[in-house]
Protein backbone atom coordinates (compact mmCIF):
# COMPACT_ATOMS: atom_id res chain seq x y z
CA MET A 1 -77.36 -87.19 157.98
CA PRO A 2 -77.68 -90.51 159.78
CA ARG A 3 -75.32 -91.20 162.53
CA ALA A 4 -73.79 -94.38 160.86
CA GLU A 5 -73.23 -92.31 157.60
CA ARG A 6 -71.51 -89.44 159.54
CA GLU A 7 -69.41 -92.01 161.50
CA ARG A 8 -68.20 -93.42 158.30
CA GLN A 9 -67.34 -90.04 156.83
CA MET A 10 -65.25 -89.32 159.88
CA MET A 11 -63.59 -92.69 159.90
CA ASP A 12 -62.63 -92.40 156.16
CA ALA A 13 -61.15 -89.03 156.94
CA ALA A 14 -59.26 -90.43 159.89
CA VAL A 15 -57.84 -93.34 157.98
CA ARG A 16 -56.63 -91.17 155.28
CA THR A 17 -55.00 -88.77 157.70
CA PHE A 18 -53.44 -91.56 159.81
CA GLY A 19 -52.14 -93.34 156.75
CA GLN A 20 -50.66 -90.34 155.03
CA CYS A 21 -49.44 -88.45 158.12
CA GLY A 22 -48.73 -91.12 160.64
CA TYR A 23 -50.57 -91.46 164.11
CA ARG A 24 -48.22 -89.03 165.94
CA ALA A 25 -48.37 -86.25 163.23
CA ALA A 26 -52.20 -86.62 162.47
CA SER A 27 -54.41 -84.17 164.28
CA MET A 28 -58.04 -84.25 165.08
CA ASP A 29 -58.25 -80.63 163.46
CA GLU A 30 -57.14 -82.15 160.22
CA ILE A 31 -59.55 -85.12 160.46
CA ALA A 32 -62.46 -82.69 161.25
CA GLU A 33 -61.77 -80.59 158.36
CA LEU A 34 -61.34 -83.50 155.89
CA ALA A 35 -64.70 -84.95 157.19
CA GLY A 36 -66.37 -81.62 156.80
CA VAL A 37 -67.51 -81.62 160.40
CA SER A 38 -66.40 -79.69 163.68
CA LYS A 39 -63.82 -81.30 165.91
CA PRO A 40 -66.26 -81.37 168.81
CA LEU A 41 -68.45 -83.69 166.79
CA VAL A 42 -65.55 -86.00 166.19
CA TYR A 43 -64.91 -86.22 169.90
CA LEU A 44 -68.50 -86.66 170.54
CA TYR A 45 -68.75 -89.58 168.04
CA LEU A 46 -65.59 -91.25 168.28
CA HIS A 47 -64.02 -89.87 171.55
CA SER A 48 -60.20 -89.59 171.89
CA LYS A 49 -57.59 -89.70 169.24
CA GLU A 50 -56.53 -93.00 170.76
CA ASP A 51 -59.98 -94.37 170.58
CA LEU A 52 -60.29 -93.16 166.93
CA PHE A 53 -57.04 -94.87 165.81
CA THR A 54 -58.13 -98.15 167.62
CA ALA A 55 -61.56 -97.97 165.64
CA CYS A 56 -59.65 -97.25 162.28
CA ILE A 57 -57.32 -100.35 162.85
CA ARG A 58 -60.27 -102.54 163.60
CA ARG A 59 -62.38 -101.33 160.86
CA GLU A 60 -59.69 -101.83 158.32
CA ALA A 61 -58.80 -105.36 159.64
CA ARG A 62 -62.33 -106.40 159.40
CA ALA A 63 -62.46 -104.92 155.71
CA LEU A 64 -59.25 -106.89 154.82
CA LEU A 65 -60.27 -110.08 156.42
CA THR A 66 -63.72 -109.81 154.69
CA ALA A 67 -62.32 -109.15 151.27
CA VAL A 68 -59.90 -112.09 151.33
CA GLU A 69 -62.61 -114.39 152.56
CA ALA A 70 -65.03 -113.31 149.94
CA GLY A 71 -62.45 -113.71 147.02
CA VAL A 72 -62.16 -117.58 147.91
CA ASP A 73 -64.35 -120.33 146.46
CA PRO A 74 -63.98 -123.10 148.76
CA GLY A 75 -64.83 -125.55 146.24
CA LEU A 76 -61.68 -124.70 144.02
CA PRO A 77 -58.54 -126.84 144.21
CA ALA A 78 -55.93 -125.81 146.68
CA ASP A 79 -53.66 -123.85 144.47
CA ARG A 80 -56.62 -121.93 142.95
CA ARG A 81 -58.01 -121.03 146.25
CA LEU A 82 -54.52 -119.63 147.49
CA TRP A 83 -54.34 -117.73 144.11
CA ALA A 84 -57.88 -116.38 144.72
CA GLY A 85 -56.98 -115.42 148.38
CA LEU A 86 -53.76 -113.61 147.36
CA THR A 87 -55.34 -111.73 144.55
CA ALA A 88 -58.19 -110.59 146.92
CA PHE A 89 -55.49 -109.58 149.34
CA PHE A 90 -53.36 -107.62 146.94
CA THR A 91 -56.42 -106.09 145.18
CA HIS A 92 -57.75 -104.91 148.54
CA THR A 93 -54.36 -103.50 149.93
CA ALA A 94 -53.84 -101.77 146.51
CA ARG A 95 -57.29 -100.16 146.58
CA HIS A 96 -57.01 -98.88 150.13
CA PRO A 97 -53.39 -97.89 150.45
CA ASP A 98 -54.13 -95.56 153.55
CA GLY A 99 -55.87 -98.51 155.28
CA TRP A 100 -53.05 -100.77 154.57
CA ALA A 101 -50.58 -98.15 155.94
CA VAL A 102 -52.57 -97.92 159.05
CA LEU A 103 -52.46 -101.78 159.52
CA HIS A 104 -49.15 -102.82 158.40
CA HIS A 105 -47.04 -99.76 159.57
CA GLN A 106 -48.62 -97.28 161.95
CA ALA A 107 -50.50 -99.83 164.23
CA ARG A 108 -47.32 -101.84 164.65
CA THR A 109 -44.99 -99.04 165.46
CA GLN A 110 -47.06 -96.94 167.95
CA GLY A 111 -46.78 -99.45 170.95
CA GLU A 112 -49.63 -100.99 172.93
CA PRO A 113 -52.39 -101.42 172.54
CA PHE A 114 -52.32 -100.61 168.85
CA ALA A 115 -49.73 -103.28 168.07
CA ALA A 116 -51.84 -105.80 169.91
CA GLU A 117 -54.64 -104.91 167.41
CA ALA A 118 -52.37 -105.46 164.40
CA THR A 119 -51.25 -108.72 165.90
CA LYS A 120 -54.64 -109.98 166.28
CA THR A 121 -55.39 -109.18 162.53
CA ARG A 122 -52.25 -111.02 161.32
CA ASP A 123 -53.23 -114.05 163.61
CA GLU A 124 -56.57 -114.19 161.88
CA LEU A 125 -55.09 -113.96 158.58
CA VAL A 126 -52.44 -116.85 159.47
CA ALA A 127 -55.38 -119.01 160.76
CA TYR A 128 -57.26 -118.36 157.36
CA VAL A 129 -54.28 -119.33 155.32
CA THR A 130 -53.55 -122.30 157.54
CA GLY A 131 -56.89 -123.60 156.26
CA LEU A 132 -56.45 -122.82 152.83
CA ILE A 133 -52.84 -124.55 152.42
CA GLY A 134 -53.24 -127.26 155.30
CA PRO A 135 -54.50 -130.15 152.79
CA ALA A 136 -52.23 -129.21 149.99
CA ALA A 137 -49.20 -129.01 152.54
CA ARG A 138 -49.88 -132.53 153.81
CA GLU A 139 -50.24 -133.90 150.27
CA ALA A 140 -47.02 -132.37 149.25
CA HIS A 141 -45.26 -133.89 152.30
CA GLY A 142 -46.79 -137.16 151.55
CA SER A 143 -48.13 -137.30 155.16
CA PRO A 144 -51.74 -136.93 156.22
CA ASP A 145 -50.20 -136.54 159.84
CA LEU A 146 -48.11 -133.42 159.04
CA PRO A 147 -48.43 -131.52 162.36
CA ASP A 148 -50.53 -128.38 162.45
CA ARG A 149 -47.56 -126.33 163.75
CA ASP A 150 -45.64 -127.30 160.60
CA VAL A 151 -48.62 -126.23 158.43
CA ALA A 152 -49.12 -123.06 160.73
CA GLY A 153 -45.22 -122.20 160.14
CA LEU A 154 -45.81 -122.34 156.51
CA ALA A 155 -48.82 -119.78 156.68
CA GLN A 156 -46.78 -117.57 158.83
CA ALA A 157 -44.10 -117.39 156.26
CA LEU A 158 -46.65 -116.86 153.62
CA VAL A 159 -48.51 -114.15 155.24
CA GLY A 160 -45.23 -112.36 156.27
CA ALA A 161 -44.15 -112.54 152.61
CA ALA A 162 -47.62 -111.12 151.46
CA GLU A 163 -47.38 -108.39 154.04
CA SER A 164 -44.04 -107.28 152.70
CA LEU A 165 -44.90 -107.64 149.16
CA ALA A 166 -47.90 -105.60 149.54
CA ALA A 167 -46.00 -102.81 151.10
CA TRP A 168 -43.49 -102.90 147.98
CA ALA A 169 -46.38 -103.27 145.53
CA ASN A 170 -48.05 -100.02 147.04
CA GLU A 171 -44.77 -98.22 146.74
CA THR A 172 -43.74 -99.43 143.24
CA PRO A 173 -45.47 -97.71 140.18
CA GLY A 174 -47.25 -100.35 137.79
CA VAL A 175 -47.19 -103.32 139.97
CA SER A 176 -50.74 -105.01 139.75
CA ALA A 177 -52.52 -107.12 142.18
CA LYS A 178 -52.41 -110.04 139.87
CA GLU A 179 -48.59 -109.46 139.35
CA ALA A 180 -47.89 -109.39 143.07
CA ALA A 181 -50.09 -112.60 143.67
CA ALA A 182 -48.28 -114.30 140.73
CA THR A 183 -44.81 -113.30 142.27
CA LEU A 184 -45.80 -114.94 145.61
CA MET A 185 -47.47 -118.08 143.89
CA ASN A 186 -44.18 -118.57 141.92
CA PHE A 187 -42.15 -118.15 145.18
CA ALA A 188 -44.43 -120.23 147.70
CA TRP A 189 -46.20 -122.71 145.42
CA THR A 190 -43.83 -123.49 142.73
CA GLY A 191 -40.65 -123.39 145.26
CA LEU A 192 -37.73 -121.27 144.91
CA GLY A 193 -35.69 -124.21 143.67
CA ASN A 194 -37.72 -125.04 140.85
CA LEU A 195 -38.25 -121.20 140.20
CA MET A 196 -34.68 -120.87 139.52
CA ASP A 197 -34.87 -123.57 137.22
CA GLY A 198 -37.24 -121.79 135.07
CA GLU A 199 -40.65 -123.36 136.23
CA ARG A 200 -43.52 -121.01 136.87
CA TRP A 201 -47.01 -121.53 138.34
CA SER A 202 -49.84 -120.44 135.89
CA ALA A 203 -53.49 -120.02 136.51
CA ASN A 204 -53.83 -120.69 132.91
CA ALA A 205 -52.45 -124.28 133.01
CA LEU A 206 -55.58 -125.25 134.97
CA ARG A 207 -58.20 -123.71 132.55
């Protein structure tokens, strides 16, 4: 088997083990057994447990960011771009619950340098969302000079809400990616006040 394919097998096994058992409880023996290889081979290819966990965080971060970016057509209106990005985000986190557990929970709770890797991923998501919502936020405020800091604050709030909602959706049976995305669109785009008055955002309204 080519080395790249063998490494992918080991990484898949590691993400599953770290995601389901937690970093501390996961063992290299379990990872090797799940991957169908010897433990010395895991160490040979991926080095220590710490190195392997870091590699898992980075791989899952790249996969998430790639999925979100691939899901957005830059030619769409601002709300449709946000809808597409959120749908891609929740679809990916639902399809890869172990990877999301590694990124959202394990990496953040095991101290440095793992937390720094998780922060880097979040910063990249915030930067991307800032680009998605910036023009719409300035238009909504009636000011083309709305400071970047204000837009970044909105992006921080949106990403934080998406992260929490993804964790909830993965733990709640029957919640689809589109349902989670619609929940956040209703809250963030329509606005809580309008939402309480019965107004809803709908992708169908733009078709």
